[in-house]
PDB file of N, CA and C in Angstrom:
ATOM      1  N   MET A   1       0.841  -1.177   0.000  1.00  0.00           N
ATOM      2  CA  MET A   1       0.000   0.000   0.000  1.00  0.00           C
ATOM      3  C   MET A   1       0.885   1.238   0.000  1.00  0.00           C
ATOM      4  N   ARG A   2       0.381   2.252  -0.610  1.00  0.00           N
ATOM      5  CA  ARG A   2       1.133   3.496  -0.731  1.00  0.00           C
ATOM      6  C   ARG A   2       0.304   4.649  -0.174  1.00  0.00           C
ATOM      7  N   PRO A   3       0.921   5.521   0.625  1.00  0.00           N
ATOM      8  CA  PRO A   3       0.172   6.671   1.142  1.00  0.00           C
ATOM      9  C   PRO A   3      -0.172   7.640   0.022  1.00  0.00           C
ATOM     10  N   ASP A   4      -1.199   8.433   0.218  1.00  0.00           N
ATOM     11  CA  ASP A   4      -1.638   9.407  -0.772  1.00  0.00           C
ATOM     12  C   ASP A   4      -0.828  10.692  -0.631  1.00  0.00           C
ATOM     13  N   VAL A   5       0.477  10.567  -0.850  1.00  0.00           N
ATOM     14  CA  VAL A   5       1.393  11.704  -0.776  1.00  0.00           C
ATOM     15  C   VAL A   5       2.386  11.616  -1.926  1.00  0.00           C
ATOM     16  N   VAL A   6       3.063  12.705  -2.177  1.00  0.00           N
ATOM     17  CA  VAL A   6       4.136  12.726  -3.164  1.00  0.00           C
ATOM     18  C   VAL A   6       5.436  12.510  -2.417  1.00  0.00           C
ATOM     19  N   LEU A   7       6.186  11.513  -2.839  1.00  0.00           N
ATOM     20  CA  LEU A   7       7.454  11.209  -2.196  1.00  0.00           C
ATOM     21  C   LEU A   7       8.576  11.991  -2.868  1.00  0.00           C
ATOM     22  N   PHE A   8       9.728  12.043  -2.229  1.00  0.00           N
ATOM     23  CA  PHE A   8      10.863  12.811  -2.735  1.00  0.00           C
ATOM     24  C   PHE A   8      11.169  12.485  -4.191  1.00  0.00           C
ATOM     25  N   GLY A   9      11.308  13.526  -4.993  1.00  0.00           N
ATOM     26  CA  GLY A   9      11.690  13.370  -6.388  1.00  0.00           C
ATOM     27  C   GLY A   9      10.573  12.965  -7.317  1.00  0.00           C
ATOM     28  N   GLU A  10       9.362  12.829  -6.813  1.00  0.00           N
ATOM     29  CA  GLU A  10       8.243  12.423  -7.656  1.00  0.00           C
ATOM     30  C   GLU A  10       7.473  13.636  -8.163  1.00  0.00           C
ATOM     31  N   LEU A  11       6.847  13.472  -9.295  1.00  0.00           N
ATOM     32  CA  LEU A  11       5.961  14.485  -9.841  1.00  0.00           C
ATOM     33  C   LEU A  11       4.552  14.254  -9.326  1.00  0.00           C
ATOM     34  N   ILE A  12       3.789  15.324  -9.195  1.00  0.00           N
ATOM     35  CA  ILE A  12       2.366  15.190  -8.896  1.00  0.00           C
ATOM     36  C   ILE A  12       1.686  14.731 -10.179  1.00  0.00           C
ATOM     37  N   ASP A  13       0.718  13.834 -10.064  1.00  0.00           N
ATOM     38  CA  ASP A  13       0.019  13.345 -11.249  1.00  0.00           C
ATOM     39  C   ASP A  13      -0.852  14.450 -11.851  1.00  0.00           C
ATOM     40  N   GLY A  14      -1.317  14.240 -13.073  1.00  0.00           N
ATOM     41  CA  GLY A  14      -2.113  15.226 -13.802  1.00  0.00           C
ATOM     42  C   GLY A  14      -3.297  15.769 -13.023  1.00  0.00           C
ATOM     43  N   PRO A  15      -4.161  14.893 -12.453  1.00  0.00           N
ATOM     44  CA  PRO A  15      -5.299  15.408 -11.677  1.00  0.00           C
ATOM     45  C   PRO A  15      -4.861  16.230 -10.462  1.00  0.00           C
ATOM     46  N   GLY A  16      -3.747  15.870  -9.855  1.00  0.00           N
ATOM     47  CA  GLY A  16      -3.243  16.623  -8.712  1.00  0.00           C
ATOM     48  C   GLY A  16      -2.812  18.024  -9.105  1.00  0.00           C
ATOM     49  N   VAL A  17      -2.127  18.144 -10.234  1.00  0.00           N
ATOM     50  CA  VAL A  17      -1.699  19.449 -10.721  1.00  0.00           C
ATOM     51  C   VAL A  17      -2.920  20.291 -11.105  1.00  0.00           C
ATOM     52  N   GLU A  18      -3.908  19.659 -11.714  1.00  0.00           N
ATOM     53  CA  GLU A  18      -5.137  20.371 -12.088  1.00  0.00           C
ATOM     54  C   GLU A  18      -5.863  20.894 -10.842  1.00  0.00           C
ATOM     55  N   HIS A  19      -5.932  20.079  -9.813  1.00  0.00           N
ATOM     56  CA  HIS A  19      -6.558  20.498  -8.560  1.00  0.00           C
ATOM     57  C   HIS A  19      -5.790  21.676  -7.953  1.00  0.00           C
ATOM     58  N   LEU A  20      -4.466  21.603  -7.958  1.00  0.00           N
ATOM     59  CA  LEU A  20      -3.638  22.701  -7.457  1.00  0.00           C
ATOM     60  C   LEU A  20      -3.940  23.975  -8.227  1.00  0.00           C
ATOM     61  N   GLN A  21      -3.986  23.901  -9.536  1.00  0.00           N
ATOM     62  CA  GLN A  21      -4.251  25.075 -10.371  1.00  0.00           C
ATOM     63  C   GLN A  21      -5.623  25.673 -10.060  1.00  0.00           C
ATOM     64  N   ASN A  22      -6.634  24.825  -9.893  1.00  0.00           N
ATOM     65  CA  ASN A  22      -7.978  25.306  -9.548  1.00  0.00           C
ATOM     66  C   ASN A  22      -7.978  26.042  -8.215  1.00  0.00           C
ATOM     67  N   GLU A  23      -7.251  25.523  -7.245  1.00  0.00           N
ATOM     68  CA  GLU A  23      -7.173  26.182  -5.938  1.00  0.00           C
ATOM     69  C   GLU A  23      -6.434  27.512  -6.036  1.00  0.00           C
ATOM     70  N   LEU A  24      -5.354  27.549  -6.805  1.00  0.00           N
ATOM     71  CA  LEU A  24      -4.585  28.783  -6.947  1.00  0.00           C
ATOM     72  C   LEU A  24      -5.410  29.888  -7.600  1.00  0.00           C
ATOM     73  N   GLU A  25      -6.292  29.509  -8.517  1.00  0.00           N
ATOM     74  CA  GLU A  25      -7.122  30.500  -9.199  1.00  0.00           C
ATOM     75  C   GLU A  25      -8.099  31.174  -8.233  1.00  0.00           C
ATOM     76  N   LYS A  26      -8.393  30.541  -7.105  1.00  0.00           N
ATOM     77  CA  LYS A  26      -9.271  31.140  -6.097  1.00  0.00           C
ATOM     78  C   LYS A  26      -8.589  32.302  -5.395  1.00  0.00           C
ATOM     79  N   GLY A  27      -7.254  32.262  -5.338  1.00  0.00           N
ATOM     80  CA  GLY A  27      -6.475  33.316  -4.698  1.00  0.00           C
ATOM     81  C   GLY A  27      -6.222  33.037  -3.231  1.00  0.00           C
ATOM     82  N   PHE A  28      -5.098  33.529  -2.744  1.00  0.00           N
ATOM     83  CA  PHE A  28      -4.681  33.338  -1.365  1.00  0.00           C
ATOM     84  C   PHE A  28      -4.032  34.603  -0.845  1.00  0.00           C
ATOM     85  N   ASP A  29      -4.085  34.809   0.470  1.00  0.00           N
ATOM     86  CA  ASP A  29      -3.409  35.938   1.087  1.00  0.00           C
ATOM     87  C   ASP A  29      -1.949  35.624   1.376  1.00  0.00           C
ATOM     88  N   ILE A  30      -1.660  34.349   1.582  1.00  0.00           N
ATOM     89  CA  ILE A  30      -0.308  33.917   1.921  1.00  0.00           C
ATOM     90  C   ILE A  30      -0.061  32.541   1.305  1.00  0.00           C
ATOM     91  N   VAL A  31       1.135  32.324   0.816  1.00  0.00           N
ATOM     92  CA  VAL A  31       1.505  31.027   0.238  1.00  0.00           C
ATOM     93  C   VAL A  31       2.743  30.520   0.967  1.00  0.00           C
ATOM     94  N   PHE A  32       2.651  29.289   1.465  1.00  0.00           N
ATOM     95  CA  PHE A  32       3.755  28.621   2.140  1.00  0.00           C
ATOM     96  C   PHE A  32       4.362  27.574   1.223  1.00  0.00           C
ATOM     97  N   SER A  33       5.659  27.477   1.210  1.00  0.00           N
ATOM     98  CA  SER A  33       6.387  26.374   0.596  1.00  0.00           C
ATOM     99  C   SER A  33       7.064  25.651   1.757  1.00  0.00           C
ATOM    100  N   ILE A  34       6.631  24.414   2.015  1.00  0.00           N
ATOM    101  CA  ILE A  34       7.087  23.718   3.219  1.00  0.00           C
ATOM    102  C   ILE A  34       7.784  22.415   2.853  1.00  0.00           C
ATOM    103  N   GLY A  35       9.061  22.335   3.205  1.00  0.00           N
ATOM    104  CA  GLY A  35       9.801  21.089   3.099  1.00  0.00           C
ATOM    105  C   GLY A  35       9.975  20.540   1.699  1.00  0.00           C
ATOM    106  N   THR A  36      10.070  21.393   0.710  1.00  0.00           N
ATOM    107  CA  THR A  36      10.276  20.943  -0.660  1.00  0.00           C
ATOM    108  C   THR A  36      11.484  21.654  -1.253  1.00  0.00           C
ATOM    109  N   THR A  37      12.156  20.989  -2.166  1.00  0.00           N
ATOM    110  CA  THR A  37      13.288  21.625  -2.837  1.00  0.00           C
ATOM    111  C   THR A  37      12.817  22.625  -3.884  1.00  0.00           C
ATOM    112  N   SER A  38      11.548  22.589  -4.217  1.00  0.00           N
ATOM    113  CA  SER A  38      10.939  23.528  -5.171  1.00  0.00           C
ATOM    114  C   SER A  38      11.537  23.409  -6.570  1.00  0.00           C
ATOM    115  N   VAL A  39      11.949  22.223  -6.940  1.00  0.00           N
ATOM    116  CA  VAL A  39      12.551  22.057  -8.259  1.00  0.00           C
ATOM    117  C   VAL A  39      11.522  21.936  -9.375  1.00  0.00           C
ATOM    118  N   PHE A  40      10.293  21.558  -9.048  1.00  0.00           N
ATOM    119  CA  PHE A  40       9.276  21.390 -10.083  1.00  0.00           C
ATOM    120  C   PHE A  40       8.532  22.705 -10.306  1.00  0.00           C
ATOM    121  N   PRO A  41       8.222  23.023 -11.565  1.00  0.00           N
ATOM    122  CA  PRO A  41       7.538  24.293 -11.864  1.00  0.00           C
ATOM    123  C   PRO A  41       6.221  24.472 -11.109  1.00  0.00           C
ATOM    124  N   TYR A  42       5.466  23.408 -10.899  1.00  0.00           N
ATOM    125  CA  TYR A  42       4.181  23.572 -10.219  1.00  0.00           C
ATOM    126  C   TYR A  42       4.354  23.847  -8.723  1.00  0.00           C
ATOM    127  N   ILE A  43       5.546  23.676  -8.192  1.00  0.00           N
ATOM    128  CA  ILE A  43       5.838  24.071  -6.811  1.00  0.00           C
ATOM    129  C   ILE A  43       6.290  25.537  -6.789  1.00  0.00           C
ATOM    130  N   GLN A  44       7.080  25.930  -7.763  1.00  0.00           N
ATOM    131  CA  GLN A  44       7.567  27.303  -7.844  1.00  0.00           C
ATOM    132  C   GLN A  44       6.463  28.287  -8.221  1.00  0.00           C
ATOM    133  N   ALA A  45       5.565  27.867  -9.097  1.00  0.00           N
ATOM    134  CA  ALA A  45       4.539  28.767  -9.645  1.00  0.00           C
ATOM    135  C   ALA A  45       3.708  29.471  -8.581  1.00  0.00           C
ATOM    136  N   PRO A  46       3.218  28.773  -7.539  1.00  0.00           N
ATOM    137  CA  PRO A  46       2.426  29.497  -6.537  1.00  0.00           C
ATOM    138  C   PRO A  46       3.214  30.605  -5.839  1.00  0.00           C
ATOM    139  N   ILE A  47       4.500  30.382  -5.626  1.00  0.00           N
ATOM    140  CA  ILE A  47       5.340  31.406  -4.999  1.00  0.00           C
ATOM    141  C   ILE A  47       5.435  32.624  -5.916  1.00  0.00           C
ATOM    142  N   TYR A  48       5.749  32.394  -7.180  1.00  0.00           N
ATOM    143  CA  TYR A  48       5.888  33.497  -8.122  1.00  0.00           C
ATOM    144  C   TYR A  48       4.556  34.203  -8.357  1.00  0.00           C
ATOM    145  N   MET A  49       3.453  33.443  -8.415  1.00  0.00           N
ATOM    146  CA  MET A  49       2.134  34.046  -8.586  1.00  0.00           C
ATOM    147  C   MET A  49       1.787  34.937  -7.400  1.00  0.00           C
ATOM    148  N   ALA A  50       2.049  34.441  -6.197  1.00  0.00           N
ATOM    149  CA  ALA A  50       1.755  35.219  -4.988  1.00  0.00           C
ATOM    150  C   ALA A  50       2.572  36.500  -4.966  1.00  0.00           C
ATOM    151  N   LYS A  51       3.861  36.384  -5.274  1.00  0.00           N
ATOM    152  CA  LYS A  51       4.731  37.561  -5.279  1.00  0.00           C
ATOM    153  C   LYS A  51       4.235  38.607  -6.280  1.00  0.00           C
ATOM    154  N   SER A  52       3.863  38.167  -7.476  1.00  0.00           N
ATOM    155  CA  SER A  52       3.424  39.123  -8.498  1.00  0.00           C
ATOM    156  C   SER A  52       2.085  39.762  -8.141  1.00  0.00           C
ATOM    157  N   SER A  53       1.316  39.115  -7.264  1.00  0.00           N
ATOM    158  CA  SER A  53       0.033  39.665  -6.827  1.00  0.00           C
ATOM    159  C   SER A  53       0.164  40.485  -5.548  1.00  0.00           C
ATOM    160  N   GLY A  54       1.375  40.570  -5.012  1.00  0.00           N
ATOM    161  CA  GLY A  54       1.604  41.337  -3.795  1.00  0.00           C
ATOM    162  C   GLY A  54       1.241  40.593  -2.523  1.00  0.00           C
ATOM    163  N   ASN A  55       1.076  39.267  -2.613  1.00  0.00           N
ATOM    164  CA  ASN A  55       0.758  38.464  -1.438  1.00  0.00           C
ATOM    165  C   ASN A  55       2.034  37.996  -0.744  1.00  0.00           C
ATOM    166  N   VAL A  56       1.894  37.606   0.504  1.00  0.00           N
ATOM    167  CA  VAL A  56       3.023  37.181   1.325  1.00  0.00           C
ATOM    168  C   VAL A  56       3.428  35.753   0.962  1.00  0.00           C
ATOM    169  N   THR A  57       4.731  35.517   0.928  1.00  0.00           N
ATOM    170  CA  THR A  57       5.260  34.178   0.672  1.00  0.00           C
ATOM    171  C   THR A  57       6.203  33.780   1.798  1.00  0.00           C
ATOM    172  N   VAL A  58       6.127  32.491   2.167  1.00  0.00           N
ATOM    173  CA  VAL A  58       6.943  31.960   3.259  1.00  0.00           C
ATOM    174  C   VAL A  58       7.519  30.618   2.830  1.00  0.00           C
ATOM    175  N   GLU A  59       8.790  30.425   3.086  1.00  0.00           N
ATOM    176  CA  GLU A  59       9.415  29.122   2.853  1.00  0.00           C
ATOM    177  C   GLU A  59       9.882  28.559   4.192  1.00  0.00           C
ATOM    178  N   ILE A  60       9.530  27.293   4.427  1.00  0.00           N
ATOM    179  CA  ILE A  60      10.002  26.580   5.612  1.00  0.00           C
ATOM    180  C   ILE A  60      10.817  25.399   5.115  1.00  0.00           C
ATOM    181  N   ASN A  61      12.126  25.476   5.331  1.00  0.00           N
ATOM    182  CA  ASN A  61      13.015  24.415   4.875  1.00  0.00           C
ATOM    183  C   ASN A  61      14.387  24.656   5.499  1.00  0.00           C
ATOM    184  N   PRO A  62      14.994  23.619   6.086  1.00  0.00           N
ATOM    185  CA  PRO A  62      16.333  23.812   6.665  1.00  0.00           C
ATOM    186  C   PRO A  62      17.393  24.161   5.623  1.00  0.00           C
ATOM    187  N   SER A  63      17.178  23.749   4.378  1.00  0.00           N
ATOM    188  CA  SER A  63      18.151  23.993   3.309  1.00  0.00           C
ATOM    189  C   SER A  63      17.639  25.061   2.357  1.00  0.00           C
ATOM    190  N   GLU A  64      18.563  25.738   1.691  1.00  0.00           N
ATOM    191  CA  GLU A  64      18.159  26.694   0.661  1.00  0.00           C
ATOM    192  C   GLU A  64      17.601  25.956  -0.541  1.00  0.00           C
ATOM    193  N   THR A  65      16.651  26.597  -1.228  1.00  0.00           N
ATOM    194  CA  THR A  65      16.014  25.994  -2.400  1.00  0.00           C
ATOM    195  C   THR A  65      15.999  27.001  -3.541  1.00  0.00           C
ATOM    196  N   THR A  66      15.333  26.621  -4.613  1.00  0.00           N
ATOM    197  CA  THR A  66      15.259  27.503  -5.774  1.00  0.00           C
ATOM    198  C   THR A  66      14.374  28.716  -5.549  1.00  0.00           C
ATOM    199  N   VAL A  67      13.562  28.735  -4.485  1.00  0.00           N
ATOM    200  CA  VAL A  67      12.724  29.902  -4.204  1.00  0.00           C
ATOM    201  C   VAL A  67      13.184  30.673  -2.970  1.00  0.00           C
ATOM    202  N   SER A  68      14.264  30.257  -2.349  1.00  0.00           N
ATOM    203  CA  SER A  68      14.731  30.905  -1.114  1.00  0.00           C
ATOM    204  C   SER A  68      14.998  32.391  -1.295  1.00  0.00           C
ATOM    205  N   ASN A  69      15.478  32.780  -2.455  1.00  0.00           N
ATOM    206  CA  ASN A  69      15.797  34.188  -2.694  1.00  0.00           C
ATOM    207  C   ASN A  69      14.584  34.992  -3.157  1.00  0.00           C
ATOM    208  N   VAL A  70      13.426  34.343  -3.283  1.00  0.00           N
ATOM    209  CA  VAL A  70      12.226  35.001  -3.784  1.00  0.00           C
ATOM    210  C   VAL A  70      11.229  35.300  -2.661  1.00  0.00           C
ATOM    211  N   VAL A  71      11.145  34.410  -1.681  1.00  0.00           N
ATOM    212  CA  VAL A  71      10.115  34.512  -0.648  1.00  0.00           C
ATOM    213  C   VAL A  71      10.321  35.719   0.265  1.00  0.00           C
ATOM    214  N   ASP A  72       9.213  36.163   0.872  1.00  0.00           N
ATOM    215  CA  ASP A  72       9.266  37.271   1.820  1.00  0.00           C
ATOM    216  C   ASP A  72       9.902  36.846   3.140  1.00  0.00           C
ATOM    217  N   TYR A  73       9.565  35.629   3.581  1.00  0.00           N
ATOM    218  CA  TYR A  73      10.083  35.111   4.839  1.00  0.00           C
ATOM    219  C   TYR A  73      10.617  33.712   4.617  1.00  0.00           C
ATOM    220  N   ARG A  74      11.813  33.473   5.118  1.00  0.00           N
ATOM    221  CA  ARG A  74      12.423  32.151   5.016  1.00  0.00           C
ATOM    222  C   ARG A  74      12.746  31.659   6.413  1.00  0.00           C
ATOM    223  N   LEU A  75      12.137  30.542   6.794  1.00  0.00           N
ATOM    224  CA  LEU A  75      12.399  29.931   8.092  1.00  0.00           C
ATOM    225  C   LEU A  75      13.288  28.721   7.855  1.00  0.00           C
ATOM    226  N   ALA A  76      14.573  28.857   8.163  1.00  0.00           N
ATOM    227  CA  ALA A  76      15.552  27.795   7.925  1.00  0.00           C
ATOM    228  C   ALA A  76      15.523  26.818   9.092  1.00  0.00           C
ATOM    229  N   MET A  77      14.449  26.030   9.142  1.00  0.00           N
ATOM    230  CA  MET A  77      14.267  25.080  10.239  1.00  0.00           C
ATOM    231  C   MET A  77      13.335  23.961   9.787  1.00  0.00           C
ATOM    232  N   PRO A  78      13.304  22.866  10.532  1.00  0.00           N
ATOM    233  CA  PRO A  78      12.403  21.767  10.173  1.00  0.00           C
ATOM    234  C   PRO A  78      10.936  22.213  10.216  1.00  0.00           C
ATOM    235  N   ALA A  79      10.126  21.631   9.357  1.00  0.00           N
ATOM    236  CA  ALA A  79       8.722  22.011   9.225  1.00  0.00           C
ATOM    237  C   ALA A  79       7.957  21.868  10.535  1.00  0.00           C
ATOM    238  N   GLY A  80       8.135  20.760  11.241  1.00  0.00           N
ATOM    239  CA  GLY A  80       7.385  20.536  12.476  1.00  0.00           C
ATOM    240  C   GLY A  80       7.618  21.625  13.496  1.00  0.00           C
ATOM    241  N   ALA A  81       8.863  22.005  13.691  1.00  0.00           N
ATOM    242  CA  ALA A  81       9.195  23.045  14.659  1.00  0.00           C
ATOM    243  C   ALA A  81       8.634  24.402  14.219  1.00  0.00           C
ATOM    244  N   ALA A  82       8.767  24.709  12.936  1.00  0.00           N
ATOM    245  CA  ALA A  82       8.278  25.993  12.433  1.00  0.00           C
ATOM    246  C   ALA A  82       6.762  26.090  12.538  1.00  0.00           C
ATOM    247  N   LEU A  83       6.066  25.035  12.133  1.00  0.00           N
ATOM    248  CA  LEU A  83       4.601  25.066  12.175  1.00  0.00           C
ATOM    249  C   LEU A  83       4.078  25.120  13.603  1.00  0.00           C
ATOM    250  N   ASP A  84       4.736  24.424  14.524  1.00  0.00           N
ATOM    251  CA  ASP A  84       4.350  24.517  15.938  1.00  0.00           C
ATOM    252  C   ASP A  84       4.482  25.960  16.434  1.00  0.00           C
ATOM    253  N   GLU A  85       5.587  26.604  16.101  1.00  0.00           N
ATOM    254  CA  GLU A  85       5.812  27.977  16.550  1.00  0.00           C
ATOM    255  C   GLU A  85       4.807  28.936  15.919  1.00  0.00           C
ATOM    256  N   ILE A  86       4.532  28.768  14.632  1.00  0.00           N
ATOM    257  CA  ILE A  86       3.533  29.612  13.964  1.00  0.00           C
ATOM    258  C   ILE A  86       2.177  29.450  14.634  1.00  0.00           C
ATOM    259  N   TRP A  87       1.784  28.207  14.894  1.00  0.00           N
ATOM    260  CA  TRP A  87       0.494  27.936  15.538  1.00  0.00           C
ATOM    261  C   TRP A  87       0.450  28.543  16.941  1.00  0.00           C
ATOM    262  N   ASN A  88       1.510  28.382  17.719  1.00  0.00           N
ATOM    263  CA  ASN A  88       1.551  28.935  19.075  1.00  0.00           C
ATOM    264  C   ASN A  88       1.436  30.459  19.058  1.00  0.00           C
ATOM    265  N   ARG A  89       2.108  31.093  18.130  1.00  0.00           N
ATOM    266  CA  ARG A  89       2.038  32.557  18.048  1.00  0.00           C
ATOM    267  C   ARG A  89       0.648  33.004  17.581  1.00  0.00           C
ATOM    268  N   TYR A  90       0.073  32.269  16.662  1.00  0.00           N
ATOM    269  CA  TYR A  90      -1.292  32.579  16.206  1.00  0.00           C
ATOM    270  C   TYR A  90      -2.268  32.491  17.375  1.00  0.00           C
ATOM    271  N   ARG A  91      -2.173  31.402  18.122  1.00  0.00           N
ATOM    272  CA  ARG A  91      -3.074  31.211  19.274  1.00  0.00           C
ATOM    273  C   ARG A  91      -2.885  32.312  20.308  1.00  0.00           C
ATOM    274  N   ALA A  92      -1.650  32.673  20.573  1.00  0.00           N
ATOM    275  CA  ALA A  92      -1.378  33.722  21.554  1.00  0.00           C
ATOM    276  C   ALA A  92      -1.936  35.069  21.107  1.00  0.00           C
ATOM    277  N   THR A  93      -1.825  35.338  19.823  1.00  0.00           N
ATOM    278  CA  THR A  93      -2.323  36.598  19.265  1.00  0.00           C
ATOM    279  C   THR A  93      -3.845  36.648  19.245  1.00  0.00           C
ATOM    280  N   ASN A  94      -4.465  35.503  19.005  1.00  0.00           N
ATOM    281  CA  ASN A  94      -5.920  35.448  18.868  1.00  0.00           C
ATOM    282  C   ASN A  94      -6.620  34.925  20.120  1.00  0.00           C
ATOM    283  N   ASN A  95      -5.865  34.717  21.201  1.00  0.00           N
ATOM    284  CA  ASN A  95      -6.433  34.251  22.480  1.00  0.00           C
ATOM    285  C   ASN A  95      -7.347  33.048  22.310  1.00  0.00           C
ATOM    286  N   THR A  96      -6.926  32.063  21.514  1.00  0.00           N
ATOM    287  CA  THR A  96      -7.767  30.878  21.327  1.00  0.00           C
ATOM    288  C   THR A  96      -7.168  29.693  22.025  1.00  0.00           C
TER     289      THR A  96
END
């Protein structure tokens, strides 16, 4: 059995890319790139689209990637630690 995820070095299948494109067309206030080398165009595209629209971009990755020099914020740390900290700060700010 295989999990419903994309493993390292794999491409997203056609329906997956189509779903991504449909979601991107809805628009976002912030785009995160988390734990990917960003080597595939469909990973880079949301970052570049967000930047050209004036939206915030964030990369979470311990290593530099192809979008590291493009994003507004780069968190050079493991995804789990970064997401925990983001969530904790959000909760503290919103008293939830």
